[in-house]
C-alpha cells in the first residue's frame, strides 16, 4: 500500500469514485485503525470508502 499523492483535504472535496485504488486502500486502513476515536462524520466517510472499494471489485 503506497502513501497517496493527494492529501485527505483535497480528496474530501471529490467523489470517492474519483479516488484511485491506493488512496482508497490507504485511508480505509487509516480510518479503520482509528475507529475507536472516529466521530460519526468519519464513520460515514469510512462507509463510503468501503462501498466504493466493494463496487470496484
PDB file of N, CA and C in Angstrom:
ATOM      1  N   UNK A   1       0.857  -1.183   0.000  1.00  0.00           N
ATOM      2  CA  UNK A   1       0.000   0.000   0.000  1.00  0.00           C
ATOM      3  C   UNK A   1       0.895   1.235   0.000  1.00  0.00           C
ATOM      4  N   UNK A   2       0.795   1.999  -1.028  1.00  0.00           N
ATOM      5  CA  UNK A   2       1.596   3.204  -1.206  1.00  0.00           C
ATOM      6  C   UNK A   2       0.877   4.398  -0.581  1.00  0.00           C
ATOM      7  N   UNK A   3       1.628   5.321  -0.011  1.00  0.00           N
ATOM      8  CA  UNK A   3       1.041   6.551   0.507  1.00  0.00           C
ATOM      9  C   UNK A   3       0.490   7.361  -0.658  1.00  0.00           C
ATOM     10  N   UNK A   4      -0.750   7.821  -0.550  1.00  0.00           N
ATOM     11  CA  UNK A   4      -1.336   8.568  -1.666  1.00  0.00           C
ATOM     12  C   UNK A   4      -0.635   9.892  -1.913  1.00  0.00           C
ATOM     13  N   UNK A   5      -0.719  10.368  -3.144  1.00  0.00           N
ATOM     14  CA  UNK A   5      -0.089  11.638  -3.518  1.00  0.00           C
ATOM     15  C   UNK A   5      -0.964  12.822  -3.104  1.00  0.00           C
ATOM     16  N   UNK A   6      -2.279  12.634  -3.144  1.00  0.00           N
ATOM     17  CA  UNK A   6      -3.189  13.721  -2.758  1.00  0.00           C
ATOM     18  C   UNK A   6      -3.547  13.569  -1.283  1.00  0.00           C
ATOM     19  N   UNK A   7      -3.647  14.687  -0.577  1.00  0.00           N
ATOM     20  CA  UNK A   7      -3.970  14.599   0.838  1.00  0.00           C
ATOM     21  C   UNK A   7      -5.489  14.515   1.038  1.00  0.00           C
ATOM     22  N   UNK A   8      -5.863  14.208   2.274  1.00  0.00           N
ATOM     23  CA  UNK A   8      -7.265  13.971   2.571  1.00  0.00           C
ATOM     24  C   UNK A   8      -8.127  15.214   2.347  1.00  0.00           C
ATOM     25  N   UNK A   9      -7.585  16.390   2.582  1.00  0.00           N
ATOM     26  CA  UNK A   9      -8.340  17.621   2.358  1.00  0.00           C
ATOM     27  C   UNK A   9      -8.764  17.736   0.902  1.00  0.00           C
ATOM     28  N   UNK A  10      -7.847  17.479  -0.008  1.00  0.00           N
ATOM     29  CA  UNK A  10      -8.171  17.518  -1.429  1.00  0.00           C
ATOM     30  C   UNK A  10      -9.172  16.423  -1.795  1.00  0.00           C
ATOM     31  N   UNK A  11      -8.918  15.211  -1.307  1.00  0.00           N
ATOM     32  CA  UNK A  11      -9.790  14.087  -1.641  1.00  0.00           C
ATOM     33  C   UNK A  11     -11.202  14.258  -1.096  1.00  0.00           C
ATOM     34  N   UNK A  12     -11.327  14.883   0.055  1.00  0.00           N
ATOM     35  CA  UNK A  12     -12.656  15.028   0.664  1.00  0.00           C
ATOM     36  C   UNK A  12     -13.570  15.934  -0.152  1.00  0.00           C
ATOM     37  N   UNK A  13     -12.993  16.691  -1.065  1.00  0.00           N
ATOM     38  CA  UNK A  13     -13.783  17.591  -1.912  1.00  0.00           C
ATOM     39  C   UNK A  13     -14.298  16.901  -3.179  1.00  0.00           C
ATOM     40  N   UNK A  14     -13.962  15.623  -3.359  1.00  0.00           N
ATOM     41  CA  UNK A  14     -14.379  14.930  -4.583  1.00  0.00           C
ATOM     42  C   UNK A  14     -15.038  13.599  -4.257  1.00  0.00           C
ATOM     43  N   UNK A  15     -15.763  13.090  -5.209  1.00  0.00           N
ATOM     44  CA  UNK A  15     -16.446  11.812  -5.083  1.00  0.00           C
ATOM     45  C   UNK A  15     -15.442  10.688  -4.865  1.00  0.00           C
ATOM     46  N   UNK A  16     -15.818   9.707  -4.072  1.00  0.00           N
ATOM     47  CA  UNK A  16     -14.930   8.551  -3.836  1.00  0.00           C
ATOM     48  C   UNK A  16     -14.670   7.794  -5.140  1.00  0.00           C
ATOM     49  N   UNK A  17     -15.559   7.918  -6.112  1.00  0.00           N
ATOM     50  CA  UNK A  17     -15.359   7.241  -7.396  1.00  0.00           C
ATOM     51  C   UNK A  17     -14.166   7.818  -8.165  1.00  0.00           C
ATOM     52  N   UNK A  18     -13.711   9.008  -7.791  1.00  0.00           N
ATOM     53  CA  UNK A  18     -12.563   9.636  -8.443  1.00  0.00           C
ATOM     54  C   UNK A  18     -11.250   9.370  -7.704  1.00  0.00           C
ATOM     55  N   UNK A  19     -11.334   8.712  -6.547  1.00  0.00           N
ATOM     56  CA  UNK A  19     -10.126   8.351  -5.814  1.00  0.00           C
ATOM     57  C   UNK A  19      -9.480   7.162  -6.515  1.00  0.00           C
ATOM     58  N   UNK A  20      -8.151   7.079  -6.476  1.00  0.00           N
ATOM     59  CA  UNK A  20      -7.513   5.895  -7.045  1.00  0.00           C
ATOM     60  C   UNK A  20      -7.458   4.781  -5.994  1.00  0.00           C
ATOM     61  N   UNK A  21      -7.071   3.600  -6.437  1.00  0.00           N
ATOM     62  CA  UNK A  21      -7.065   2.412  -5.565  1.00  0.00           C
ATOM     63  C   UNK A  21      -6.169   2.605  -4.333  1.00  0.00           C
ATOM     64  N   UNK A  22      -5.001   3.201  -4.536  1.00  0.00           N
ATOM     65  CA  UNK A  22      -4.077   3.408  -3.418  1.00  0.00           C
ATOM     66  C   UNK A  22      -4.667   4.358  -2.378  1.00  0.00           C
ATOM     67  N   UNK A  23      -5.345   5.388  -2.830  1.00  0.00           N
ATOM     68  CA  UNK A  23      -5.959   6.345  -1.911  1.00  0.00           C
ATOM     69  C   UNK A  23      -7.069   5.676  -1.104  1.00  0.00           C
ATOM     70  N   UNK A  24      -7.893   4.914  -1.774  1.00  0.00           N
ATOM     71  CA  UNK A  24      -8.962   4.198  -1.062  1.00  0.00           C
ATOM     72  C   UNK A  24      -8.384   3.253  -0.021  1.00  0.00           C
ATOM     73  N   UNK A  25      -7.404   2.464  -0.422  1.00  0.00           N
ATOM     74  CA  UNK A  25      -6.810   1.487   0.492  1.00  0.00           C
ATOM     75  C   UNK A  25      -6.118   2.168   1.669  1.00  0.00           C
ATOM     76  N   UNK A  26      -5.377   3.231   1.392  1.00  0.00           N
ATOM     77  CA  UNK A  26      -4.642   3.921   2.450  1.00  0.00           C
ATOM     78  C   UNK A  26      -5.593   4.519   3.499  1.00  0.00           C
ATOM     79  N   UNK A  27      -6.600   5.250   3.047  1.00  0.00           N
ATOM     80  CA  UNK A  27      -7.489   5.905   4.005  1.00  0.00           C
ATOM     81  C   UNK A  27      -8.466   4.926   4.646  1.00  0.00           C
ATOM     82  N   UNK A  28      -8.788   3.834   3.972  1.00  0.00           N
ATOM     83  CA  UNK A  28      -9.613   2.796   4.586  1.00  0.00           C
ATOM     84  C   UNK A  28      -8.841   2.179   5.750  1.00  0.00           C
ATOM     85  N   UNK A  29      -7.574   1.893   5.522  1.00  0.00           N
ATOM     86  CA  UNK A  29      -6.737   1.324   6.577  1.00  0.00           C
ATOM     87  C   UNK A  29      -6.561   2.315   7.727  1.00  0.00           C
ATOM     88  N   UNK A  30      -6.254   3.558   7.407  1.00  0.00           N
ATOM     89  CA  UNK A  30      -6.021   4.569   8.445  1.00  0.00           C
ATOM     90  C   UNK A  30      -7.263   4.786   9.299  1.00  0.00           C
ATOM     91  N   UNK A  31      -8.425   4.941   8.664  1.00  0.00           N
ATOM     92  CA  UNK A  31      -9.654   5.163   9.425  1.00  0.00           C
ATOM     93  C   UNK A  31     -10.036   3.929  10.231  1.00  0.00           C
ATOM     94  N   UNK A  32      -9.784   2.749   9.697  1.00  0.00           N
ATOM     95  CA  UNK A  32     -10.075   1.516  10.433  1.00  0.00           C
ATOM     96  C   UNK A  32      -9.219   1.420  11.688  1.00  0.00           C
ATOM     97  N   UNK A  33      -7.963   1.824  11.589  1.00  0.00           N
ATOM     98  CA  UNK A  33      -7.063   1.800  12.743  1.00  0.00           C
ATOM     99  C   UNK A  33      -7.501   2.790  13.819  1.00  0.00           C
ATOM    100  N   UNK A  34      -8.115   3.894  13.393  1.00  0.00           N
ATOM    101  CA  UNK A  34      -8.551   4.937  14.323  1.00  0.00           C
ATOM    102  C   UNK A  34     -10.020   4.804  14.729  1.00  0.00           C
ATOM    103  N   UNK A  35     -10.667   3.725  14.336  1.00  0.00           N
ATOM    104  CA  UNK A  35     -12.106   3.575  14.512  1.00  0.00           C
ATOM    105  C   UNK A  35     -12.617   3.905  15.918  1.00  0.00           C
ATOM    106  N   UNK A  36     -11.933   3.517  16.991  1.00  0.00           N
ATOM    107  CA  UNK A  36     -12.453   3.865  18.318  1.00  0.00           C
ATOM    108  C   UNK A  36     -12.530   5.379  18.573  1.00  0.00           C
ATOM    109  N   UNK A  37     -11.810   6.164  17.794  1.00  0.00           N
ATOM    110  CA  UNK A  37     -11.736   7.607  18.018  1.00  0.00           C
ATOM    111  C   UNK A  37     -12.444   8.421  16.936  1.00  0.00           C
ATOM    112  N   UNK A  38     -13.013   7.738  15.946  1.00  0.00           N
ATOM    113  CA  UNK A  38     -13.630   8.410  14.804  1.00  0.00           C
ATOM    114  C   UNK A  38     -15.029   8.893  15.170  1.00  0.00           C
ATOM    115  N   UNK A  39     -15.344  10.135  14.780  1.00  0.00           N
ATOM    116  CA  UNK A  39     -16.676  10.686  15.030  1.00  0.00           C
ATOM    117  C   UNK A  39     -17.645  10.182  13.957  1.00  0.00           C
ATOM    118  N   UNK A  40     -18.947  10.488  14.084  1.00  0.00           N
ATOM    119  CA  UNK A  40     -19.920   9.999  13.092  1.00  0.00           C
ATOM    120  C   UNK A  40     -19.597  10.398  11.648  1.00  0.00           C
ATOM    121  N   UNK A  41     -19.051  11.583  11.446  1.00  0.00           N
ATOM    122  CA  UNK A  41     -18.686  12.002  10.088  1.00  0.00           C
ATOM    123  C   UNK A  41     -17.572  11.114   9.530  1.00  0.00           C
ATOM    124  N   UNK A  42     -16.591  10.809  10.351  1.00  0.00           N
ATOM    125  CA  UNK A  42     -15.507   9.924   9.922  1.00  0.00           C
ATOM    126  C   UNK A  42     -16.008   8.523   9.622  1.00  0.00           C
ATOM    127  N   UNK A  43     -16.960   8.052  10.414  1.00  0.00           N
ATOM    128  CA  UNK A  43     -17.544   6.736  10.175  1.00  0.00           C
ATOM    129  C   UNK A  43     -18.299   6.709   8.849  1.00  0.00           C
ATOM    130  N   UNK A  44     -18.988   7.788   8.532  1.00  0.00           N
ATOM    131  CA  UNK A  44     -19.675   7.897   7.242  1.00  0.00           C
ATOM    132  C   UNK A  44     -18.675   7.834   6.096  1.00  0.00           C
ATOM    133  N   UNK A  45     -17.559   8.536   6.234  1.00  0.00           N
ATOM    134  CA  UNK A  45     -16.519   8.515   5.197  1.00  0.00           C
ATOM    135  C   UNK A  45     -15.958   7.101   5.038  1.00  0.00           C
ATOM    136  N   UNK A  46     -15.717   6.424   6.143  1.00  0.00           N
ATOM    137  CA  UNK A  46     -15.217   5.052   6.081  1.00  0.00           C
ATOM    138  C   UNK A  46     -16.210   4.148   5.356  1.00  0.00           C
ATOM    139  N   UNK A  47     -17.494   4.296   5.641  1.00  0.00           N
ATOM    140  CA  UNK A  47     -18.519   3.501   4.956  1.00  0.00           C
ATOM    141  C   UNK A  47     -18.529   3.808   3.456  1.00  0.00           C
ATOM    142  N   UNK A  48     -18.387   5.063   3.092  1.00  0.00           N
ATOM    143  CA  UNK A  48     -18.343   5.434   1.669  1.00  0.00           C
ATOM    144  C   UNK A  48     -17.131   4.816   0.977  1.00  0.00           C
ATOM    145  N   UNK A  49     -15.992   4.844   1.643  1.00  0.00           N
ATOM    146  CA  UNK A  49     -14.778   4.232   1.090  1.00  0.00           C
ATOM    147  C   UNK A  49     -14.987   2.733   0.910  1.00  0.00           C
ATOM    148  N   UNK A  50     -15.542   2.075   1.929  1.00  0.00           N
ATOM    149  CA  UNK A  50     -15.784   0.635   1.837  1.00  0.00           C
ATOM    150  C   UNK A  50     -16.745   0.304   0.701  1.00  0.00           C
ATOM    151  N   UNK A  51     -17.803   1.104   0.545  1.00  0.00           N
ATOM    152  CA  UNK A  51     -18.756   0.878  -0.552  1.00  0.00           C
ATOM    153  C   UNK A  51     -18.072   1.028  -1.906  1.00  0.00           C
ATOM    154  N   UNK A  52     -17.217   2.034  -2.046  1.00  0.00           N
ATOM    155  CA  UNK A  52     -16.534   2.263  -3.320  1.00  0.00           C
ATOM    156  C   UNK A  52     -15.565   1.115  -3.608  1.00  0.00           C
ATOM    157  N   UNK A  53     -14.842   0.647  -2.590  1.00  0.00           N
ATOM    158  CA  UNK A  53     -13.924  -0.467  -2.797  1.00  0.00           C
ATOM    159  C   UNK A  53     -14.698  -1.715  -3.211  1.00  0.00           C
ATOM    160  N   UNK A  54     -15.840  -1.958  -2.592  1.00  0.00           N
ATOM    161  CA  UNK A  54     -16.666  -3.109  -2.940  1.00  0.00           C
ATOM    162  C   UNK A  54     -17.213  -2.977  -4.364  1.00  0.00           C
ATOM    163  N   UNK A  55     -17.640  -1.770  -4.730  1.00  0.00           N
ATOM    164  CA  UNK A  55     -18.190  -1.518  -6.062  1.00  0.00           C
ATOM    165  C   UNK A  55     -17.173  -1.832  -7.154  1.00  0.00           C
ATOM    166  N   UNK A  56     -15.903  -1.563  -6.881  1.00  0.00           N
ATOM    167  CA  UNK A  56     -14.858  -1.762  -7.885  1.00  0.00           C
ATOM    168  C   UNK A  56     -14.447  -3.220  -8.061  1.00  0.00           C
ATOM    169  N   UNK A  57     -14.808  -4.061  -7.126  1.00  0.00           N
ATOM    170  CA  UNK A  57     -14.405  -5.485  -7.224  1.00  0.00           C
ATOM    171  C   UNK A  57     -15.174  -6.221  -8.265  1.00  0.00           C
TER     172      UNK A  57
END
